[in-house]
Amino acid sequence: MGDAGDTEREQNMGRSRGANTERFHVYIGIAAALWVIAAVAAVIDRDTLMAISWSCMAAFGILVAIGAAHRSRGIGYLSVALVVAGVAISMAVFLSD
């Protein structure tokens, strides 16, 4: 029951989860950078609604990438609200065109 192998397995499992979370943060960070570029392109194109939509997505990505959404319940809810608003605006723009 108190075997040394059990402790070693628990430590390895903890490390593997951390590495997967780190990769997730990197991918979301890259996506957030692309969303910021898309928001700037929408501003240059003078498309206000799409600029707001991409900005919401970028803010969501930044909050998740830095880990703020995981540390605070309120910021987690804010990030979910931002992504829902961004997707809703995008869908409304695409359906109206």
PDB file of N, CA and C in Angstrom:
ATOM      1  N   MET A   1       0.817  -1.188   0.000  1.00  0.00           N
ATOM      2  CA  MET A   1       0.000   0.000   0.000  1.00  0.00           C
ATOM      3  C   MET A   1       0.863   1.255   0.000  1.00  0.00           C
ATOM      4  N   GLY A   2       1.885   1.285   0.799  1.00  0.00           N
ATOM      5  CA  GLY A   2       2.759   2.446   0.842  1.00  0.00           C
ATOM      6  C   GLY A   2       4.004   2.213   0.008  1.00  0.00           C
ATOM      7  N   ASP A   3       3.872   1.612  -1.127  1.00  0.00           N
ATOM      8  CA  ASP A   3       4.976   1.243  -1.989  1.00  0.00           C
ATOM      9  C   ASP A   3       5.617   2.487  -2.617  1.00  0.00           C
ATOM     10  N   ALA A   4       6.927   2.452  -2.770  1.00  0.00           N
ATOM     11  CA  ALA A   4       7.639   3.583  -3.372  1.00  0.00           C
ATOM     12  C   ALA A   4       7.251   3.756  -4.832  1.00  0.00           C
ATOM     13  N   GLY A   5       6.867   2.692  -5.511  1.00  0.00           N
ATOM     14  CA  GLY A   5       6.447   2.786  -6.910  1.00  0.00           C
ATOM     15  C   GLY A   5       5.188   3.608  -7.078  1.00  0.00           C
ATOM     16  N   ASP A   6       4.278   3.539  -6.095  1.00  0.00           N
ATOM     17  CA  ASP A   6       3.052   4.327  -6.168  1.00  0.00           C
ATOM     18  C   ASP A   6       3.367   5.819  -6.129  1.00  0.00           C
ATOM     19  N   THR A   7       4.294   6.205  -5.280  1.00  0.00           N
ATOM     20  CA  THR A   7       4.673   7.611  -5.177  1.00  0.00           C
ATOM     21  C   THR A   7       5.295   8.094  -6.477  1.00  0.00           C
ATOM     22  N   GLU A   8       6.132   7.257  -7.076  1.00  0.00           N
ATOM     23  CA  GLU A   8       6.786   7.638  -8.327  1.00  0.00           C
ATOM     24  C   GLU A   8       5.757   7.807  -9.450  1.00  0.00           C
ATOM     25  N   ARG A   9       4.783   6.917  -9.508  1.00  0.00           N
ATOM     26  CA  ARG A   9       3.740   7.023 -10.533  1.00  0.00           C
ATOM     27  C   ARG A   9       2.923   8.292 -10.350  1.00  0.00           C
ATOM     28  N   GLU A  10       2.598   8.634  -9.118  1.00  0.00           N
ATOM     29  CA  GLU A  10       1.831   9.850  -8.855  1.00  0.00           C
ATOM     30  C   GLU A  10       2.607  11.082  -9.297  1.00  0.00           C
ATOM     31  N   GLN A  11       3.910  11.102  -9.047  1.00  0.00           N
ATOM     32  CA  GLN A  11       4.712  12.239  -9.464  1.00  0.00           C
ATOM     33  C   GLN A  11       4.781  12.332 -10.982  1.00  0.00           C
ATOM     34  N   ASN A  12       4.944  11.205 -11.668  1.00  0.00           N
ATOM     35  CA  ASN A  12       4.997  11.229 -13.126  1.00  0.00           C
ATOM     36  C   ASN A  12       3.673  11.682 -13.718  1.00  0.00           C
ATOM     37  N   MET A  13       2.584  11.240 -13.123  1.00  0.00           N
ATOM     38  CA  MET A  13       1.287  11.659 -13.637  1.00  0.00           C
ATOM     39  C   MET A  13       1.111  13.160 -13.481  1.00  0.00           C
ATOM     40  N   GLY A  14       1.567  13.703 -12.390  1.00  0.00           N
ATOM     41  CA  GLY A  14       1.477  15.141 -12.179  1.00  0.00           C
ATOM     42  C   GLY A  14       2.286  15.916 -13.200  1.00  0.00           C
ATOM     43  N   ARG A  15       3.460  15.423 -13.535  1.00  0.00           N
ATOM     44  CA  ARG A  15       4.289  16.101 -14.524  1.00  0.00           C
ATOM     45  C   ARG A  15       3.664  16.044 -15.908  1.00  0.00           C
ATOM     46  N   SER A  16       3.075  14.930 -16.281  1.00  0.00           N
ATOM     47  CA  SER A  16       2.512  14.822 -17.624  1.00  0.00           C
ATOM     48  C   SER A  16       1.326  15.759 -17.796  1.00  0.00           C
ATOM     49  N   ARG A  17       0.541  15.935 -16.770  1.00  0.00           N
ATOM     50  CA  ARG A  17      -0.579  16.873 -16.873  1.00  0.00           C
ATOM     51  C   ARG A  17      -0.072  18.293 -17.028  1.00  0.00           C
ATOM     52  N   GLY A  18       0.978  18.640 -16.330  1.00  0.00           N
ATOM     53  CA  GLY A  18       1.534  19.981 -16.449  1.00  0.00           C
ATOM     54  C   GLY A  18       2.057  20.259 -17.842  1.00  0.00           C
ATOM     55  N   ALA A  19       2.679  19.271 -18.456  1.00  0.00           N
ATOM     56  CA  ALA A  19       3.206  19.451 -19.803  1.00  0.00           C
ATOM     57  C   ALA A  19       2.071  19.630 -20.804  1.00  0.00           C
ATOM     58  N   ASN A  20       0.988  18.869 -20.644  1.00  0.00           N
ATOM     59  CA  ASN A  20      -0.144  19.015 -21.550  1.00  0.00           C
ATOM     60  C   ASN A  20      -0.789  20.381 -21.384  1.00  0.00           C
ATOM     61  N   THR A  21      -0.882  20.854 -20.167  1.00  0.00           N
ATOM     62  CA  THR A  21      -1.444  22.178 -19.927  1.00  0.00           C
ATOM     63  C   THR A  21      -0.551  23.250 -20.529  1.00  0.00           C
ATOM     64  N   GLU A  22       0.758  23.068 -20.421  1.00  0.00           N
ATOM     65  CA  GLU A  22       1.700  24.028 -20.996  1.00  0.00           C
ATOM     66  C   GLU A  22       1.539  24.099 -22.509  1.00  0.00           C
ATOM     67  N   ARG A  23       1.394  22.953 -23.159  1.00  0.00           N
ATOM     68  CA  ARG A  23       1.183  22.947 -24.614  1.00  0.00           C
ATOM     69  C   ARG A  23      -0.121  23.649 -24.971  1.00  0.00           C
ATOM     70  N   PHE A  24      -1.153  23.407 -24.182  1.00  0.00           N
ATOM     71  CA  PHE A  24      -2.448  24.048 -24.414  1.00  0.00           C
ATOM     72  C   PHE A  24      -2.310  25.563 -24.334  1.00  0.00           C
ATOM     73  N   HIS A  25      -1.581  26.051 -23.348  1.00  0.00           N
ATOM     74  CA  HIS A  25      -1.385  27.492 -23.196  1.00  0.00           C
ATOM     75  C   HIS A  25      -0.617  28.065 -24.384  1.00  0.00           C
ATOM     76  N   VAL A  26       0.348  27.324 -24.893  1.00  0.00           N
ATOM     77  CA  VAL A  26       1.117  27.789 -26.052  1.00  0.00           C
ATOM     78  C   VAL A  26       0.217  27.885 -27.277  1.00  0.00           C
ATOM     79  N   TYR A  27      -0.598  26.864 -27.521  1.00  0.00           N
ATOM     80  CA  TYR A  27      -1.490  26.881 -28.682  1.00  0.00           C
ATOM     81  C   TYR A  27      -2.513  28.008 -28.582  1.00  0.00           C
ATOM     82  N   ILE A  28      -3.074  28.204 -27.413  1.00  0.00           N
ATOM     83  CA  ILE A  28      -4.035  29.292 -27.229  1.00  0.00           C
ATOM     84  C   ILE A  28      -3.340  30.650 -27.384  1.00  0.00           C
ATOM     85  N   GLY A  29      -2.100  30.750 -26.920  1.00  0.00           N
ATOM     86  CA  GLY A  29      -1.341  31.992 -27.095  1.00  0.00           C
ATOM     87  C   GLY A  29      -1.108  32.314 -28.561  1.00  0.00           C
ATOM     88  N   ILE A  30      -0.787  31.292 -29.354  1.00  0.00           N
ATOM     89  CA  ILE A  30      -0.606  31.484 -30.801  1.00  0.00           C
ATOM     90  C   ILE A  30      -1.926  31.898 -31.434  1.00  0.00           C
ATOM     91  N   ALA A  31      -3.011  31.243 -31.046  1.00  0.00           N
ATOM     92  CA  ALA A  31      -4.327  31.603 -31.581  1.00  0.00           C
ATOM     93  C   ALA A  31      -4.688  33.037 -31.202  1.00  0.00           C
ATOM     94  N   ALA A  32      -4.377  33.438 -29.976  1.00  0.00           N
ATOM     95  CA  ALA A  32      -4.678  34.806 -29.536  1.00  0.00           C
ATOM     96  C   ALA A  32      -3.905  35.821 -30.373  1.00  0.00           C
ATOM     97  N   ALA A  33      -2.647  35.514 -30.692  1.00  0.00           N
ATOM     98  CA  ALA A  33      -1.858  36.416 -31.538  1.00  0.00           C
ATOM     99  C   ALA A  33      -2.484  36.531 -32.930  1.00  0.00           C
ATOM    100  N   LEU A  34      -2.950  35.426 -33.472  1.00  0.00           N
ATOM    101  CA  LEU A  34      -3.611  35.462 -34.781  1.00  0.00           C
ATOM    102  C   LEU A  34      -4.926  36.231 -34.711  1.00  0.00           C
ATOM    103  N   TRP A  35      -5.659  36.098 -33.610  1.00  0.00           N
ATOM    104  CA  TRP A  35      -6.907  36.840 -33.447  1.00  0.00           C
ATOM    105  C   TRP A  35      -6.646  38.338 -33.334  1.00  0.00           C
ATOM    106  N   VAL A  36      -5.552  38.726 -32.707  1.00  0.00           N
ATOM    107  CA  VAL A  36      -5.196  40.145 -32.630  1.00  0.00           C
ATOM    108  C   VAL A  36      -4.891  40.669 -34.033  1.00  0.00           C
ATOM    109  N   ILE A  37      -4.161  39.884 -34.816  1.00  0.00           N
ATOM    110  CA  ILE A  37      -3.857  40.288 -36.196  1.00  0.00           C
ATOM    111  C   ILE A  37      -5.147  40.429 -36.997  1.00  0.00           C
ATOM    112  N   ALA A  38      -6.078  39.486 -36.815  1.00  0.00           N
ATOM    113  CA  ALA A  38      -7.367  39.563 -37.515  1.00  0.00           C
ATOM    114  C   ALA A  38      -8.149  40.794 -37.080  1.00  0.00           C
ATOM    115  N   ALA A  39      -8.085  41.152 -35.800  1.00  0.00           N
ATOM    116  CA  ALA A  39      -8.783  42.350 -35.310  1.00  0.00           C
ATOM    117  C   ALA A  39      -8.190  43.609 -35.932  1.00  0.00           C
ATOM    118  N   VAL A  40      -6.870  43.661 -36.030  1.00  0.00           N
ATOM    119  CA  VAL A  40      -6.225  44.823 -36.656  1.00  0.00           C
ATOM    120  C   VAL A  40      -6.596  44.898 -38.135  1.00  0.00           C
ATOM    121  N   ALA A  41      -6.629  43.753 -38.811  1.00  0.00           N
ATOM    122  CA  ALA A  41      -7.020  43.734 -40.221  1.00  0.00           C
ATOM    123  C   ALA A  41      -8.465  44.203 -40.390  1.00  0.00           C
ATOM    124  N   ALA A  42      -9.348  43.836 -39.475  1.00  0.00           N
ATOM    125  CA  ALA A  42     -10.747  44.277 -39.548  1.00  0.00           C
ATOM    126  C   ALA A  42     -10.852  45.779 -39.314  1.00  0.00           C
ATOM    127  N   VAL A  43     -10.015  46.325 -38.441  1.00  0.00           N
ATOM    128  CA  VAL A  43     -10.014  47.773 -38.204  1.00  0.00           C
ATOM    129  C   VAL A  43      -9.537  48.497 -39.462  1.00  0.00           C
ATOM    130  N   ILE A  44      -8.479  47.973 -40.079  1.00  0.00           N
ATOM    131  CA  ILE A  44      -7.968  48.574 -41.309  1.00  0.00           C
ATOM    132  C   ILE A  44      -9.030  48.509 -42.409  1.00  0.00           C
ATOM    133  N   ASP A  45      -9.787  47.420 -42.441  1.00  0.00           N
ATOM    134  CA  ASP A  45     -10.848  47.229 -43.430  1.00  0.00           C
ATOM    135  C   ASP A  45     -12.107  48.027 -43.087  1.00  0.00           C
ATOM    136  N   ARG A  46     -12.120  48.666 -41.934  1.00  0.00           N
ATOM    137  CA  ARG A  46     -13.242  49.461 -41.417  1.00  0.00           C
ATOM    138  C   ARG A  46     -14.505  48.624 -41.232  1.00  0.00           C
ATOM    139  N   ASP A  47     -14.301  47.412 -40.753  1.00  0.00           N
ATOM    140  CA  ASP A  47     -15.417  46.518 -40.434  1.00  0.00           C
ATOM    141  C   ASP A  47     -15.523  46.452 -38.913  1.00  0.00           C
ATOM    142  N   THR A  48     -16.360  47.310 -38.354  1.00  0.00           N
ATOM    143  CA  THR A  48     -16.424  47.501 -36.911  1.00  0.00           C
ATOM    144  C   THR A  48     -16.876  46.246 -36.172  1.00  0.00           C
ATOM    145  N   LEU A  49     -17.934  45.602 -36.656  1.00  0.00           N
ATOM    146  CA  LEU A  49     -18.446  44.429 -35.946  1.00  0.00           C
ATOM    147  C   LEU A  49     -17.435  43.284 -35.929  1.00  0.00           C
ATOM    148  N   MET A  50     -16.769  43.062 -37.049  1.00  0.00           N
ATOM    149  CA  MET A  50     -15.767  41.984 -37.071  1.00  0.00           C
ATOM    150  C   MET A  50     -14.560  42.343 -36.208  1.00  0.00           C
ATOM    151  N   ALA A  51     -14.210  43.624 -36.139  1.00  0.00           N
ATOM    152  CA  ALA A  51     -13.117  44.045 -35.263  1.00  0.00           C
ATOM    153  C   ALA A  51     -13.466  43.759 -33.805  1.00  0.00           C
ATOM    154  N   ILE A  52     -14.709  44.035 -33.424  1.00  0.00           N
ATOM    155  CA  ILE A  52     -15.143  43.747 -32.060  1.00  0.00           C
ATOM    156  C   ILE A  52     -15.141  42.240 -31.814  1.00  0.00           C
ATOM    157  N   SER A  53     -15.629  41.483 -32.796  1.00  0.00           N
ATOM    158  CA  SER A  53     -15.666  40.022 -32.665  1.00  0.00           C
ATOM    159  C   SER A  53     -14.266  39.440 -32.483  1.00  0.00           C
ATOM    160  N   TRP A  54     -13.331  39.827 -33.350  1.00  0.00           N
ATOM    161  CA  TRP A  54     -11.963  39.307 -33.243  1.00  0.00           C
ATOM    162  C   TRP A  54     -11.295  39.777 -31.952  1.00  0.00           C
ATOM    163  N   SER A  55     -11.625  40.987 -31.505  1.00  0.00           N
ATOM    164  CA  SER A  55     -11.061  41.481 -30.243  1.00  0.00           C
ATOM    165  C   SER A  55     -11.563  40.666 -29.057  1.00  0.00           C
ATOM    166  N   CYS A  56     -12.837  40.273 -29.085  1.00  0.00           N
ATOM    167  CA  CYS A  56     -13.373  39.418 -28.019  1.00  0.00           C
ATOM    168  C   CYS A  56     -12.646  38.076 -27.994  1.00  0.00           C
ATOM    169  N   MET A  57     -12.441  37.515 -29.174  1.00  0.00           N
ATOM    170  CA  MET A  57     -11.733  36.228 -29.258  1.00  0.00           C
ATOM    171  C   MET A  57     -10.289  36.378 -28.769  1.00  0.00           C
ATOM    172  N   ALA A  58      -9.636  37.486 -29.139  1.00  0.00           N
ATOM    173  CA  ALA A  58      -8.255  37.717 -28.704  1.00  0.00           C
ATOM    174  C   ALA A  58      -8.180  37.881 -27.184  1.00  0.00           C
ATOM    175  N   ALA A  59      -9.125  38.613 -26.610  1.00  0.00           N
ATOM    176  CA  ALA A  59      -9.141  38.795 -25.149  1.00  0.00           C
ATOM    177  C   ALA A  59      -9.350  37.458 -24.447  1.00  0.00           C
ATOM    178  N   PHE A  60     -10.255  36.632 -24.986  1.00  0.00           N
ATOM    179  CA  PHE A  60     -10.452  35.285 -24.443  1.00  0.00           C
ATOM    180  C   PHE A  60      -9.144  34.498 -24.487  1.00  0.00           C
ATOM    181  N   GLY A  61      -8.486  34.516 -25.633  1.00  0.00           N
ATOM    182  CA  GLY A  61      -7.238  33.765 -25.778  1.00  0.00           C
ATOM    183  C   GLY A  61      -6.151  34.237 -24.835  1.00  0.00           C
ATOM    184  N   ILE A  62      -6.062  35.521 -24.648  1.00  0.00           N
ATOM    185  CA  ILE A  62      -5.041  36.069 -23.747  1.00  0.00           C
ATOM    186  C   ILE A  62      -5.324  35.658 -22.310  1.00  0.00           C
ATOM    187  N   LEU A  63      -6.588  35.743 -21.885  1.00  0.00           N
ATOM    188  CA  LEU A  63      -6.935  35.352 -20.514  1.00  0.00           C
ATOM    189  C   LEU A  63      -6.647  33.873 -20.263  1.00  0.00           C
ATOM    190  N   VAL A  64      -6.918  33.041 -21.249  1.00  0.00           N
ATOM    191  CA  VAL A  64      -6.668  31.613 -21.080  1.00  0.00           C
ATOM    192  C   VAL A  64      -5.174  31.319 -21.152  1.00  0.00           C
ATOM    193  N   ALA A  65      -4.466  31.968 -22.088  1.00  0.00           N
ATOM    194  CA  ALA A  65      -3.047  31.684 -22.276  1.00  0.00           C
ATOM    195  C   ALA A  65      -2.210  32.049 -21.047  1.00  0.00           C
ATOM    196  N   ILE A  66      -2.566  33.136 -20.368  1.00  0.00           N
ATOM    197  CA  ILE A  66      -1.781  33.517 -19.190  1.00  0.00           C
ATOM    198  C   ILE A  66      -2.231  32.772 -17.941  1.00  0.00           C
ATOM    199  N   GLY A  67      -3.304  32.014 -18.063  1.00  0.00           N
ATOM    200  CA  GLY A  67      -3.759  31.202 -16.946  1.00  0.00           C
ATOM    201  C   GLY A  67      -4.699  31.915 -15.993  1.00  0.00           C
ATOM    202  N   ALA A  68      -5.092  33.136 -16.323  1.00  0.00           N
ATOM    203  CA  ALA A  68      -5.973  33.887 -15.425  1.00  0.00           C
ATOM    204  C   ALA A  68      -7.350  33.245 -15.333  1.00  0.00           C
ATOM    205  N   ALA A  69      -7.800  32.644 -16.432  1.00  0.00           N
ATOM    206  CA  ALA A  69      -9.129  32.035 -16.435  1.00  0.00           C
ATOM    207  C   ALA A  69      -9.185  30.805 -15.540  1.00  0.00           C
ATOM    208  N   HIS A  70      -8.042  30.204 -15.274  1.00  0.00           N
ATOM    209  CA  HIS A  70      -8.001  29.012 -14.431  1.00  0.00           C
ATOM    210  C   HIS A  70      -7.865  29.351 -12.949  1.00  0.00           C
ATOM    211  N   ARG A  71      -7.368  30.545 -12.653  1.00  0.00           N
ATOM    212  CA  ARG A  71      -7.136  30.918 -11.258  1.00  0.00           C
ATOM    213  C   ARG A  71      -8.331  31.584 -10.604  1.00  0.00           C
ATOM    214  N   SER A  72      -9.153  32.259 -11.403  1.00  0.00           N
ATOM    215  CA  SER A  72     -10.265  33.015 -10.835  1.00  0.00           C
ATOM    216  C   SER A  72     -11.564  32.612 -11.511  1.00  0.00           C
ATOM    217  N   ARG A  73     -12.568  32.341 -10.708  1.00  0.00           N
ATOM    218  CA  ARG A  73     -13.864  31.945 -11.264  1.00  0.00           C
ATOM    219  C   ARG A  73     -14.492  33.099 -12.045  1.00  0.00           C
ATOM    220  N   GLY A  74     -14.381  34.312 -11.548  1.00  0.00           N
ATOM    221  CA  GLY A  74     -14.963  35.475 -12.226  1.00  0.00           C
ATOM    222  C   GLY A  74     -14.316  35.731 -13.582  1.00  0.00           C
ATOM    223  N   ILE A  75     -13.004  35.630 -13.629  1.00  0.00           N
ATOM    224  CA  ILE A  75     -12.314  35.825 -14.902  1.00  0.00           C
ATOM    225  C   ILE A  75     -12.608  34.662 -15.846  1.00  0.00           C
ATOM    226  N   GLY A  76     -12.799  33.481 -15.301  1.00  0.00           N
ATOM    227  CA  GLY A  76     -13.206  32.345 -16.125  1.00  0.00           C
ATOM    228  C   GLY A  76     -14.549  32.594 -16.783  1.00  0.00           C
ATOM    229  N   TYR A  77     -15.510  33.108 -16.002  1.00  0.00           N
ATOM    230  CA  TYR A  77     -16.815  33.452 -16.564  1.00  0.00           C
ATOM    231  C   TYR A  77     -16.692  34.571 -17.605  1.00  0.00           C
ATOM    232  N   LEU A  78     -15.828  35.539 -17.335  1.00  0.00           N
ATOM    233  CA  LEU A  78     -15.607  36.626 -18.287  1.00  0.00           C
ATOM    234  C   LEU A  78     -15.054  36.091 -19.598  1.00  0.00           C
ATOM    235  N   SER A  79     -14.104  35.165 -19.520  1.00  0.00           N
ATOM    236  CA  SER A  79     -13.526  34.626 -20.747  1.00  0.00           C
ATOM    237  C   SER A  79     -14.556  33.836 -21.549  1.00  0.00           C
ATOM    238  N   VAL A  80     -15.419  33.092 -20.870  1.00  0.00           N
ATOM    239  CA  VAL A  80     -16.486  32.365 -21.571  1.00  0.00           C
ATOM    240  C   VAL A  80     -17.457  33.356 -22.215  1.00  0.00           C
ATOM    241  N   ALA A  81     -17.803  34.418 -21.498  1.00  0.00           N
ATOM    242  CA  ALA A  81     -18.701  35.430 -22.059  1.00  0.00           C
ATOM    243  C   ALA A  81     -18.077  36.107 -23.279  1.00  0.00           C
ATOM    244  N   LEU A  82     -16.774  36.345 -23.232  1.00  0.00           N
ATOM    245  CA  LEU A  82     -16.093  36.971 -24.371  1.00  0.00           C
ATOM    246  C   LEU A  82     -16.119  36.076 -25.602  1.00  0.00           C
ATOM    247  N   VAL A  83     -15.849  34.798 -25.415  1.00  0.00           N
ATOM    248  CA  VAL A  83     -15.840  33.901 -26.574  1.00  0.00           C
ATOM    249  C   VAL A  83     -17.250  33.715 -27.127  1.00  0.00           C
ATOM    250  N   VAL A  84     -18.249  33.652 -26.263  1.00  0.00           N
ATOM    251  CA  VAL A  84     -19.636  33.529 -26.734  1.00  0.00           C
ATOM    252  C   VAL A  84     -20.042  34.791 -27.492  1.00  0.00           C
ATOM    253  N   ALA A  85     -19.699  35.955 -26.976  1.00  0.00           N
ATOM    254  CA  ALA A  85     -20.034  37.212 -27.659  1.00  0.00           C
ATOM    255  C   ALA A  85     -19.316  37.306 -29.003  1.00  0.00           C
ATOM    256  N   GLY A  86     -18.045  36.924 -29.033  1.00  0.00           N
ATOM    257  CA  GLY A  86     -17.291  36.978 -30.286  1.00  0.00           C
ATOM    258  C   GLY A  86     -17.871  36.071 -31.349  1.00  0.00           C
ATOM    259  N   VAL A  87     -18.221  34.858 -30.971  1.00  0.00           N
ATOM    260  CA  VAL A  87     -18.806  33.914 -31.927  1.00  0.00           C
ATOM    261  C   VAL A  87     -20.194  34.383 -32.355  1.00  0.00           C
ATOM    262  N   ALA A  88     -20.973  34.907 -31.438  1.00  0.00           N
ATOM    263  CA  ALA A  88     -22.319  35.392 -31.773  1.00  0.00           C
ATOM    264  C   ALA A  88     -22.248  36.551 -32.763  1.00  0.00           C
ATOM    265  N   ILE A  89     -21.337  37.474 -32.555  1.00  0.00           N
ATOM    266  CA  ILE A  89     -21.191  38.605 -33.478  1.00  0.00           C
ATOM    267  C   ILE A  89     -20.750  38.096 -34.843  1.00  0.00           C
ATOM    268  N   SER A  90     -19.793  37.179 -34.869  1.00  0.00           N
ATOM    269  CA  SER A  90     -19.320  36.627 -36.150  1.00  0.00           C
ATOM    270  C   SER A  90     -20.448  35.934 -36.895  1.00  0.00           C
ATOM    271  N   MET A  91     -21.224  35.132 -36.183  1.00  0.00           N
ATOM    272  CA  MET A  91     -22.336  34.437 -36.836  1.00  0.00           C
ATOM    273  C   MET A  91     -23.381  35.427 -37.347  1.00  0.00           C
ATOM    274  N   ALA A  92     -23.667  36.462 -36.587  1.00  0.00           N
ATOM    275  CA  ALA A  92     -24.636  37.461 -37.023  1.00  0.00           C
ATOM    276  C   ALA A  92     -24.154  38.179 -38.279  1.00  0.00           C
ATOM    277  N   VAL A  93     -22.879  38.500 -38.336  1.00  0.00           N
ATOM    278  CA  VAL A  93     -22.322  39.179 -39.516  1.00  0.00           C
ATOM    279  C   VAL A  93     -22.377  38.247 -40.722  1.00  0.00           C
ATOM    280  N   PHE A  94     -21.988  37.003 -40.540  1.00  0.00           N
ATOM    281  CA  PHE A  94     -21.984  36.068 -41.667  1.00  0.00           C
ATOM    282  C   PHE A  94     -23.401  35.765 -42.155  1.00  0.00           C
ATOM    283  N   LEU A  95     -24.357  35.669 -41.247  1.00  0.00           N
ATOM    284  CA  LEU A  95     -25.737  35.380 -41.656  1.00  0.00           C
ATOM    285  C   LEU A  95     -26.408  36.584 -42.311  1.00  0.00           C
ATOM    286  N   SER A  96     -26.006  37.783 -41.919  1.00  0.00           N
ATOM    287  CA  SER A  96     -26.627  38.983 -42.498  1.00  0.00           C
ATOM    288  C   SER A  96     -26.062  39.319 -43.877  1.00  0.00           C
ATOM    289  N   ASP A  97     -24.902  38.803 -44.206  1.00  0.00           N
ATOM    290  CA  ASP A  97     -24.310  39.090 -45.536  1.00  0.00           C
ATOM    291  C   ASP A  97     -24.857  38.235 -46.583  1.00  0.00           C
TER     292      ASP A  97
END
